[in-house]
C-alpha cells in the first residue's frame, strides 16, 4: 500500500476544487433545475452548501498503467445539517481499458444541456452508490476493420447503502456498443445498457441470495421461490427474472468535423422483454435527441432538443384465464412492487429520468408516483462578451402512473382499458438561466449565478436563485 501511494504521489498532479454556494427560493422547496442532475449534492430546501474536492490528473501516456484517485466531501445547512462523501474512488487505466473502484461522477455529455445527460437510466440526479467497474472507457477499433468498426462496453457491480426497503441491495450493470464509421465524419452507433437490482436483505423475504443470485442477475435467469416467516410464498423471482431489471436501447447517428459536432439519437427504456431488441417494432415509448455543437461560434456554441414519451409503459395484454399473470404490460417504469419496493432510486431521488417522481412511506422511497410523461426539452449555451451562459427549458405533461380500469361488466379483454392517475395530464414548465462571470484579478474565485422558475400544475409555482463561488488550483505539482 505504501509503495502504491509513493508511486502515485511521485507522478501525479493533485488538483483541488472548493465550491461555496447558497440556494434560496420563494417557497420552502427549491425549483426543479436548482436540484436536478446535481448528484444529490443540494438538499431540496433553502440552504448553504460547501463542496471540497481533490483529485489526481490523468496521464496522457497510455503505454503505462495510469493510477488515479479522488474524493469530495459535501456539507450543507438548511432546515437540518448534513455531511456526506460525494466521491471516493481509485482507478487504474491501461490504454483504453479501465478498472474503477468506488464512487466517481460520470462524464458530462452534451455540454450539460441534456435533461438526462444522454442516459434515461443514470442521469446523475441522485447520490451515487459504490461499485467495482471494468470498462472500455473509449471506443476501440475492431481488428482488421480498417477503423470502420468500433466497440465499447462495461461490466460492474455496486451496493446501495442508503435507507431503503431492501437493505444493501446490489446493482449489476453491463453495457455494449458497436459503432460503424470513422472518428471524423459520419458514424452510426447501436448499443444497450442493462441494470439489475439483486440480493440484499428484505424485511419480509429475508436474505435474497449471494453468488447464485448474482449469476441470475447477470445471465437474466429466473430465481428462487421466496418464502416469508409465516410460510407465505412469492413466485415473483422464480416465475419472472430474478431481481429488478431495467434496460435501455440506443441508436445514434453522429457527424463530426473541424467546425461542428452533431448527434441524432433514439433511445427506449424497458422493464422486461416488452422493450428489448426483439420487440422494438412494438415500442411506443421513446427519447429523441438532437444535439449540435458549433465549434467556432460564441453566441450560441451548443444547442439541444429532446423529446421524451413514456405513457405507453410497455402496453398491455389481458389474459383472463392465465392462472399466474392475467395482465402483461404496465411496466410502471423504475418501480418494483414485488420485492425491491424502493425502486430505481438512491437516497430518496430518482437515479435516472428526473421527471419521474418517487413516492415515500415511513421516510424511504416506496415506488414511483409519476412515470408516465410527455416532455419537450431545450438547452442552449454560449458566450456573450466575456460571460458564459447556459439556459434550460423543460415543458412536460405529467400523467402519474398507468392504471388498468375495468368497466364492471366482466373480465374479458374488452372490459378493460388504460387510464392514468392524472387522466388529462398536469402541465409543467421549468426554466433555468446560469451566468458564469470571468475571473477578476483581485478576486480569486469564479462567480456564477443562476435563476430557476417552476410554473404549472404539477410542481408548486416557484422562483429560486443560486450564487456560487468556485476556486480551483493545484495542491502539488509532483509528489515529495
Foldseek 3Di string as FASTA:
>chain_A
DVVVVQVDQFPWFKKKKKKKKWKAWPDQFGFDVVQFLQQRQDDGGTKIKIKMKMKTDFDPDQQDKTKIWMWMWMWMDDVHIDIDTQWTWIKIHHNQKIKIWTDDDDDQAQVVFDLFSPFQQFRNNHGDFTKIKIWRNDWDADPPPVQFKTKIKMWMKTWACFDFQFHGWMKIKMKIKMKGGHPAFKIKMKMKMKMFTFFGQHPFQGTGDDPVLVVLRVVQAADDWTAGPVGDTDRPRHVGGGTFMKMKIKIKMWHHDPFKTKIWMKMDMARHPLCDPVNPVVDDWMKIKIKMAGCPDFVWGIKMKMKTFCQCQSPWDAQPPDPPDRMPGQNLPQADQPTRQLGCDGNLAHRGNRVWHFDDDPHGTGGTFWDGKIKMKMKTWGDDPQKTKIKIKMKMWIFTGKDWDACPPDRDPVRIDIATPRRVTWIKMKMKMKIWHDDDPVHQWTWMKMWMFIDTGPDDTMIMMMIMTMHMDTPDRRRD
